[in-house]
Amino acid sequence: MATTPQKRRKEMKRLEKQREKAERRAQRKIANRRQKELLADGTIPAGDEASITSVAAPSESAPQN
Protein backbone atom coordinates (compact mmCIF):
# COMPACT_ATOMS: atom_id res chain seq x y z
CA MET A 1 0.00 0.00 0.00
CA ALA A 2 1.43 3.35 -1.05
CA THR A 3 1.81 6.21 1.41
CA THR A 4 0.73 9.67 0.39
CA PRO A 5 3.23 12.54 0.68
CA GLN A 6 1.02 14.21 3.27
CA LYS A 7 1.05 11.10 5.49
CA ARG A 8 4.80 10.81 5.06
CA ARG A 9 5.32 14.43 6.16
CA LYS A 10 3.01 13.93 9.11
CA GLU A 11 4.92 10.82 10.20
CA MET A 12 8.28 12.59 9.82
CA LYS A 13 7.03 15.50 11.90
CA ARG A 14 5.78 13.09 14.57
CA LEU A 15 9.14 11.31 14.71
CA GLU A 16 11.02 14.62 14.90
CA LYS A 17 8.80 15.79 17.75
CA GLN A 18 9.39 12.49 19.55
CA ARG A 19 13.18 12.88 19.21
CA GLU A 20 13.07 16.46 20.48
CA LYS A 21 10.99 15.40 23.47
CA ALA A 22 13.45 12.60 24.29
CA GLU A 23 16.34 15.08 24.04
CA ARG A 24 14.63 17.53 26.40
CA ARG A 25 13.93 14.68 28.82
CA ALA A 26 17.60 13.64 28.74
CA GLN A 27 18.76 17.23 29.33
CA ARG A 28 16.39 17.57 32.27
CA LYS A 29 17.67 14.28 33.70
CA ILE A 30 21.28 15.47 33.43
CA ALA A 31 20.41 18.80 35.04
CA ASN A 32 18.63 17.08 37.92
CA ARG A 33 21.58 14.74 38.51
CA ARG A 34 24.01 17.66 38.47
CA GLN A 35 21.81 19.59 40.90
CA LYS A 36 21.58 16.63 43.30
CA GLU A 37 25.35 16.09 43.15
CA LEU A 38 26.06 19.74 43.91
CA LEU A 39 23.59 19.79 46.78
CA ALA A 40 25.03 16.53 48.16
CA ASP A 41 28.55 17.99 48.02
CA GLY A 42 27.38 21.06 49.89
CA THR A 43 28.99 23.39 47.36
CA ILE A 44 25.76 25.30 46.74
CA PRO A 45 23.36 26.40 49.48
CA ALA A 46 19.85 24.93 49.25
CA GLY A 47 18.38 28.37 48.39
CA ASP A 48 20.24 28.51 45.06
CA GLU A 49 18.44 25.54 43.49
CA ALA A 50 16.51 27.73 41.03
CA SER A 51 19.69 29.23 39.61
CA ILE A 52 21.10 25.78 38.84
CA THR A 53 18.07 24.69 36.85
CA SER A 54 17.91 27.96 34.92
CA VAL A 55 21.54 27.61 33.82
CA ALA A 56 21.33 23.89 33.05
CA ALA A 57 18.07 24.06 31.07
CA PRO A 58 18.44 23.82 27.28
CA SER A 59 17.86 27.01 25.37
CA GLU A 60 14.84 27.33 23.11
CA SER A 61 16.57 29.85 20.84
CA ALA A 62 17.83 27.18 18.42
CA PRO A 63 16.32 27.61 14.95
CA GLN A 64 13.61 25.11 14.13
CA ASN A 65 12.80 23.94 10.62
C-alpha atoms as a PDB file:
ATOM      1  CA  MET A   1       0.000   0.000   0.000  1.00  0.00           C
ATOM      2  CA  ALA A   2       1.432   3.351  -1.052  1.00  0.00           C
ATOM      3  CA  THR A   3       1.807   6.210   1.414  1.00  0.00           C
ATOM      4  CA  THR A   4       0.728   9.670   0.390  1.00  0.00           C
ATOM      5  CA  PRO A   5       3.225  12.542   0.680  1.00  0.00           C
ATOM      6  CA  GLN A   6       1.023  14.205   3.275  1.00  0.00           C
ATOM      7  CA  LYS A   7       1.049  11.099   5.486  1.00  0.00           C
ATOM      8  CA  ARG A   8       4.802  10.808   5.058  1.00  0.00           C
ATOM      9  CA  ARG A   9       5.324  14.430   6.156  1.00  0.00           C
ATOM     10  CA  LYS A  10       3.008  13.927   9.110  1.00  0.00           C
ATOM     11  CA  GLU A  11       4.924  10.820  10.203  1.00  0.00           C
ATOM     12  CA  MET A  12       8.278  12.588   9.816  1.00  0.00           C
ATOM     13  CA  LYS A  13       7.032  15.502  11.901  1.00  0.00           C
ATOM     14  CA  ARG A  14       5.780  13.093  14.573  1.00  0.00           C
ATOM     15  CA  LEU A  15       9.143  11.310  14.710  1.00  0.00           C
ATOM     16  CA  GLU A  16      11.019  14.622  14.902  1.00  0.00           C
ATOM     17  CA  LYS A  17       8.805  15.793  17.749  1.00  0.00           C
ATOM     18  CA  GLN A  18       9.394  12.489  19.549  1.00  0.00           C
ATOM     19  CA  ARG A  19      13.184  12.876  19.206  1.00  0.00           C
ATOM     20  CA  GLU A  20      13.071  16.459  20.483  1.00  0.00           C
ATOM     21  CA  LYS A  21      10.994  15.402  23.469  1.00  0.00           C
ATOM     22  CA  ALA A  22      13.453  12.603  24.293  1.00  0.00           C
ATOM     23  CA  GLU A  23      16.340  15.084  24.036  1.00  0.00           C
ATOM     24  CA  ARG A  24      14.628  17.533  26.401  1.00  0.00           C
ATOM     25  CA  ARG A  25      13.934  14.677  28.819  1.00  0.00           C
ATOM     26  CA  ALA A  26      17.605  13.642  28.736  1.00  0.00           C
ATOM     27  CA  GLN A  27      18.761  17.233  29.327  1.00  0.00           C
ATOM     28  CA  ARG A  28      16.389  17.568  32.269  1.00  0.00           C
ATOM     29  CA  LYS A  29      17.671  14.282  33.697  1.00  0.00           C
ATOM     30  CA  ILE A  30      21.282  15.466  33.433  1.00  0.00           C
ATOM     31  CA  ALA A  31      20.413  18.798  35.038  1.00  0.00           C
ATOM     32  CA  ASN A  32      18.625  17.079  37.918  1.00  0.00           C
ATOM     33  CA  ARG A  33      21.581  14.743  38.508  1.00  0.00           C
ATOM     34  CA  ARG A  34      24.005  17.661  38.473  1.00  0.00           C
ATOM     35  CA  GLN A  35      21.813  19.587  40.903  1.00  0.00           C
ATOM     36  CA  LYS A  36      21.581  16.632  43.297  1.00  0.00           C
ATOM     37  CA  GLU A  37      25.349  16.091  43.151  1.00  0.00           C
ATOM     38  CA  LEU A  38      26.055  19.743  43.911  1.00  0.00           C
ATOM     39  CA  LEU A  39      23.589  19.786  46.780  1.00  0.00           C
ATOM     40  CA  ALA A  40      25.032  16.531  48.161  1.00  0.00           C
ATOM     41  CA  ASP A  41      28.554  17.987  48.022  1.00  0.00           C
ATOM     42  CA  GLY A  42      27.377  21.057  49.892  1.00  0.00           C
ATOM     43  CA  THR A  43      28.988  23.385  47.364  1.00  0.00           C
ATOM     44  CA  ILE A  44      25.758  25.302  46.737  1.00  0.00           C
ATOM     45  CA  PRO A  45      23.357  26.395  49.483  1.00  0.00           C
ATOM     46  CA  ALA A  46      19.850  24.934  49.245  1.00  0.00           C
ATOM     47  CA  GLY A  47      18.377  28.368  48.387  1.00  0.00           C
ATOM     48  CA  ASP A  48      20.243  28.510  45.055  1.00  0.00           C
ATOM     49  CA  GLU A  49      18.438  25.542  43.490  1.00  0.00           C
ATOM     50  CA  ALA A  50      16.507  27.728  41.028  1.00  0.00           C
ATOM     51  CA  SER A  51      19.691  29.232  39.613  1.00  0.00           C
ATOM     52  CA  ILE A  52      21.100  25.779  38.842  1.00  0.00           C
ATOM     53  CA  THR A  53      18.068  24.686  36.846  1.00  0.00           C
ATOM     54  CA  SER A  54      17.908  27.956  34.924  1.00  0.00           C
ATOM     55  CA  VAL A  55      21.536  27.607  33.820  1.00  0.00           C
ATOM     56  CA  ALA A  56      21.335  23.889  33.046  1.00  0.00           C
ATOM     57  CA  ALA A  57      18.071  24.062  31.070  1.00  0.00           C
ATOM     58  CA  PRO A  58      18.440  23.820  27.277  1.00  0.00           C
ATOM     59  CA  SER A  59      17.863  27.014  25.373  1.00  0.00           C
ATOM     60  CA  GLU A  60      14.842  27.328  23.111  1.00  0.00           C
ATOM     61  CA  SER A  61      16.574  29.848  20.837  1.00  0.00           C
ATOM     62  CA  ALA A  62      17.833  27.177  18.425  1.00  0.00           C
ATOM     63  CA  PRO A  63      16.318  27.612  14.946  1.00  0.00           C
ATOM     64  CA  GLN A  64      13.609  25.115  14.130  1.00  0.00           C
ATOM     65  CA  ASN A  65      12.800  23.937  10.620  1.00  0.00           C
END
